[in-house]
Amino acid sequence: MIDFDEELSYYKPSLEIEAIEDAIVKNDLTDMTDIMMELIKERKE
């Protein structure tokens, strides 16, 4: 039978995933809300 607690203790996150997470968090990504707010702002002017 599999001991899930033991198996989880072997888990180590991938370094590549951590690097990607850091890159995503540091980027200021424009989302749909930002685009819509900019369009509304431009229309009011």
PDB file of N, CA and C in Angstrom:
ATOM      1  N   MET A   1       0.830  -1.182   0.000  1.00  0.00           N
ATOM      2  CA  MET A   1       0.000   0.000   0.000  1.00  0.00           C
ATOM      3  C   MET A   1       0.882   1.257   0.000  1.00  0.00           C
ATOM      4  N   ILE A   2       0.432   2.292  -0.678  1.00  0.00           N
ATOM      5  CA  ILE A   2       1.208   3.529  -0.799  1.00  0.00           C
ATOM      6  C   ILE A   2       1.012   4.391   0.441  1.00  0.00           C
ATOM      7  N   ASP A   3       2.128   4.855   0.985  1.00  0.00           N
ATOM      8  CA  ASP A   3       2.087   5.789   2.114  1.00  0.00           C
ATOM      9  C   ASP A   3       2.198   7.204   1.526  1.00  0.00           C
ATOM     10  N   PHE A   4       1.064   7.884   1.422  1.00  0.00           N
ATOM     11  CA  PHE A   4       1.028   9.183   0.755  1.00  0.00           C
ATOM     12  C   PHE A   4       1.867  10.229   1.478  1.00  0.00           C
ATOM     13  N   ASP A   5       1.883  10.193   2.801  1.00  0.00           N
ATOM     14  CA  ASP A   5       2.703  11.153   3.558  1.00  0.00           C
ATOM     15  C   ASP A   5       4.179  10.977   3.237  1.00  0.00           C
ATOM     16  N   GLU A   6       4.608   9.739   3.130  1.00  0.00           N
ATOM     17  CA  GLU A   6       6.000   9.470   2.780  1.00  0.00           C
ATOM     18  C   GLU A   6       6.298   9.941   1.361  1.00  0.00           C
ATOM     19  N   GLU A   7       5.407   9.643   0.437  1.00  0.00           N
ATOM     20  CA  GLU A   7       5.603  10.067  -0.953  1.00  0.00           C
ATOM     21  C   GLU A   7       5.656  11.586  -1.070  1.00  0.00           C
ATOM     22  N   LEU A   8       4.796  12.291  -0.340  1.00  0.00           N
ATOM     23  CA  LEU A   8       4.809  13.752  -0.371  1.00  0.00           C
ATOM     24  C   LEU A   8       6.105  14.315   0.202  1.00  0.00           C
ATOM     25  N   SER A   9       6.714  13.614   1.130  1.00  0.00           N
ATOM     26  CA  SER A   9       7.967  14.102   1.714  1.00  0.00           C
ATOM     27  C   SER A   9       9.089  14.106   0.671  1.00  0.00           C
ATOM     28  N   TYR A  10       8.964  13.289  -0.373  1.00  0.00           N
ATOM     29  CA  TYR A  10       9.962  13.244  -1.444  1.00  0.00           C
ATOM     30  C   TYR A  10       9.783  14.363  -2.468  1.00  0.00           C
ATOM     31  N   TYR A  11       8.640  15.024  -2.422  1.00  0.00           N
ATOM     32  CA  TYR A  11       8.319  16.044  -3.419  1.00  0.00           C
ATOM     33  C   TYR A  11       9.242  17.250  -3.302  1.00  0.00           C
ATOM     34  N   LYS A  12       9.797  17.674  -4.419  1.00  0.00           N
ATOM     35  CA  LYS A  12      10.604  18.895  -4.504  1.00  0.00           C
ATOM     36  C   LYS A  12      10.110  19.661  -5.731  1.00  0.00           C
ATOM     37  N   PRO A  13       9.726  20.948  -5.561  1.00  0.00           N
ATOM     38  CA  PRO A  13       9.251  21.706  -6.715  1.00  0.00           C
ATOM     39  C   PRO A  13      10.353  21.887  -7.764  1.00  0.00           C
ATOM     40  N   SER A  14       9.957  21.925  -8.984  1.00  0.00           N
ATOM     41  CA  SER A  14      10.888  22.116 -10.090  1.00  0.00           C
ATOM     42  C   SER A  14      11.441  23.535 -10.056  1.00  0.00           C
ATOM     43  N   LEU A  15      12.730  23.678 -10.263  1.00  0.00           N
ATOM     44  CA  LEU A  15      13.347  25.008 -10.296  1.00  0.00           C
ATOM     45  C   LEU A  15      12.812  25.824 -11.457  1.00  0.00           C
ATOM     46  N   GLU A  16      12.494  25.170 -12.570  1.00  0.00           N
ATOM     47  CA  GLU A  16      11.967  25.877 -13.727  1.00  0.00           C
ATOM     48  C   GLU A  16      10.629  26.529 -13.398  1.00  0.00           C
ATOM     49  N   ILE A  17       9.797  25.842 -12.654  1.00  0.00           N
ATOM     50  CA  ILE A  17       8.492  26.386 -12.277  1.00  0.00           C
ATOM     51  C   ILE A  17       8.678  27.610 -11.393  1.00  0.00           C
ATOM     52  N   GLU A  18       9.594  27.540 -10.433  1.00  0.00           N
ATOM     53  CA  GLU A  18       9.842  28.688  -9.558  1.00  0.00           C
ATOM     54  C   GLU A  18      10.334  29.886 -10.363  1.00  0.00           C
ATOM     55  N   ALA A  19      11.193  29.655 -11.357  1.00  0.00           N
ATOM     56  CA  ALA A  19      11.703  30.746 -12.182  1.00  0.00           C
ATOM     57  C   ALA A  19      10.573  31.379 -12.996  1.00  0.00           C
ATOM     58  N   ILE A  20       9.688  30.561 -13.504  1.00  0.00           N
ATOM     59  CA  ILE A  20       8.551  31.069 -14.277  1.00  0.00           C
ATOM     60  C   ILE A  20       7.622  31.877 -13.376  1.00  0.00           C
ATOM     61  N   GLU A  21       7.366  31.375 -12.179  1.00  0.00           N
ATOM     62  CA  GLU A  21       6.514  32.106 -11.238  1.00  0.00           C
ATOM     63  C   GLU A  21       7.094  33.482 -10.941  1.00  0.00           C
ATOM     64  N   ASP A  22       8.394  33.555 -10.705  1.00  0.00           N
ATOM     65  CA  ASP A  22       9.039  34.841 -10.430  1.00  0.00           C
ATOM     66  C   ASP A  22       8.904  35.787 -11.613  1.00  0.00           C
ATOM     67  N   ALA A  23       9.082  35.276 -12.814  1.00  0.00           N
ATOM     68  CA  ALA A  23       8.992  36.111 -14.007  1.00  0.00           C
ATOM     69  C   ALA A  23       7.576  36.645 -14.191  1.00  0.00           C
ATOM     70  N   ILE A  24       6.585  35.819 -13.936  1.00  0.00           N
ATOM     71  CA  ILE A  24       5.196  36.240 -14.094  1.00  0.00           C
ATOM     72  C   ILE A  24       4.835  37.286 -13.052  1.00  0.00           C
ATOM     73  N   VAL A  25       5.232  37.077 -11.824  1.00  0.00           N
ATOM     74  CA  VAL A  25       4.900  38.002 -10.742  1.00  0.00           C
ATOM     75  C   VAL A  25       5.557  39.357 -10.976  1.00  0.00           C
ATOM     76  N   LYS A  26       6.765  39.371 -11.507  1.00  0.00           N
ATOM     77  CA  LYS A  26       7.494  40.630 -11.700  1.00  0.00           C
ATOM     78  C   LYS A  26       6.976  41.432 -12.896  1.00  0.00           C
ATOM     79  N   ASN A  27       6.321  40.778 -13.845  1.00  0.00           N
ATOM     80  CA  ASN A  27       5.797  41.481 -15.021  1.00  0.00           C
ATOM     81  C   ASN A  27       4.497  42.181 -14.679  1.00  0.00           C
ATOM     82  N   ASP A  28       4.353  43.385 -15.202  1.00  0.00           N
ATOM     83  CA  ASP A  28       3.109  44.119 -15.036  1.00  0.00           C
ATOM     84  C   ASP A  28       2.269  43.843 -16.278  1.00  0.00           C
ATOM     85  N   LEU A  29       1.446  42.822 -16.201  1.00  0.00           N
ATOM     86  CA  LEU A  29       0.673  42.388 -17.351  1.00  0.00           C
ATOM     87  C   LEU A  29      -0.642  43.160 -17.443  1.00  0.00           C
ATOM     88  N   THR A  30      -0.964  43.601 -18.642  1.00  0.00           N
ATOM     89  CA  THR A  30      -2.230  44.284 -18.884  1.00  0.00           C
ATOM     90  C   THR A  30      -3.314  43.227 -19.048  1.00  0.00           C
ATOM     91  N   ASP A  31      -4.378  43.373 -18.278  1.00  0.00           N
ATOM     92  CA  ASP A  31      -5.476  42.426 -18.431  1.00  0.00           C
ATOM     93  C   ASP A  31      -6.667  43.120 -19.079  1.00  0.00           C
ATOM     94  N   MET A  32      -7.733  42.394 -19.269  1.00  0.00           N
ATOM     95  CA  MET A  32      -8.912  42.920 -19.967  1.00  0.00           C
ATOM     96  C   MET A  32      -9.508  44.122 -19.236  1.00  0.00           C
ATOM     97  N   THR A  33      -9.475  44.107 -17.917  1.00  0.00           N
ATOM     98  CA  THR A  33     -10.003  45.229 -17.140  1.00  0.00           C
ATOM     99  C   THR A  33      -9.212  46.499 -17.432  1.00  0.00           C
ATOM    100  N   ASP A  34      -7.885  46.399 -17.490  1.00  0.00           N
ATOM    101  CA  ASP A  34      -7.049  47.561 -17.801  1.00  0.00           C
ATOM    102  C   ASP A  34      -7.385  48.119 -19.187  1.00  0.00           C
ATOM    103  N   ILE A  35      -7.583  47.241 -20.144  1.00  0.00           N
ATOM    104  CA  ILE A  35      -7.907  47.671 -21.503  1.00  0.00           C
ATOM    105  C   ILE A  35      -9.254  48.382 -21.535  1.00  0.00           C
ATOM    106  N   MET A  36     -10.244  47.805 -20.860  1.00  0.00           N
ATOM    107  CA  MET A  36     -11.577  48.422 -20.829  1.00  0.00           C
ATOM    108  C   MET A  36     -11.545  49.782 -20.136  1.00  0.00           C
ATOM    109  N   MET A  37     -10.809  49.900 -19.049  1.00  0.00           N
ATOM    110  CA  MET A  37     -10.710  51.178 -18.336  1.00  0.00           C
ATOM    111  C   MET A  37     -10.053  52.239 -19.220  1.00  0.00           C
ATOM    112  N   GLU A  38      -9.045  51.848 -19.990  1.00  0.00           N
ATOM    113  CA  GLU A  38      -8.376  52.777 -20.891  1.00  0.00           C
ATOM    114  C   GLU A  38      -9.326  53.234 -21.995  1.00  0.00           C
ATOM    115  N   LEU A  39     -10.113  52.321 -22.548  1.00  0.00           N
ATOM    116  CA  LEU A  39     -11.080  52.682 -23.589  1.00  0.00           C
ATOM    117  C   LEU A  39     -12.148  53.634 -23.057  1.00  0.00           C
ATOM    118  N   ILE A  40     -12.627  53.384 -21.856  1.00  0.00           N
ATOM    119  CA  ILE A  40     -13.629  54.272 -21.237  1.00  0.00           C
ATOM    120  C   ILE A  40     -13.039  55.649 -20.996  1.00  0.00           C
ATOM    121  N   LYS A  41     -11.811  55.678 -20.532  1.00  0.00           N
ATOM    122  CA  LYS A  41     -11.137  56.943 -20.267  1.00  0.00           C
ATOM    123  C   LYS A  41     -10.973  57.758 -21.556  1.00  0.00           C
ATOM    124  N   GLU A  42     -10.554  57.085 -22.627  1.00  0.00           N
ATOM    125  CA  GLU A  42     -10.363  57.746 -23.904  1.00  0.00           C
ATOM    126  C   GLU A  42     -11.702  58.272 -24.460  1.00  0.00           C
ATOM    127  N   ARG A  43     -12.738  57.512 -24.259  1.00  0.00           N
ATOM    128  CA  ARG A  43     -14.059  57.913 -24.781  1.00  0.00           C
ATOM    129  C   ARG A  43     -14.593  59.136 -24.063  1.00  0.00           C
ATOM    130  N   LYS A  44     -14.299  59.271 -22.777  1.00  0.00           N
ATOM    131  CA  LYS A  44     -14.770  60.415 -21.996  1.00  0.00           C
ATOM    132  C   LYS A  44     -14.044  61.698 -22.393  1.00  0.00           C
ATOM    133  N   GLU A  45     -12.846  61.574 -22.891  1.00  0.00           N
ATOM    134  CA  GLU A  45     -12.047  62.762 -23.231  1.00  0.00           C
ATOM    135  C   GLU A  45     -12.441  63.391 -24.528  1.00  0.00           C
TER     136      GLU A  45
END
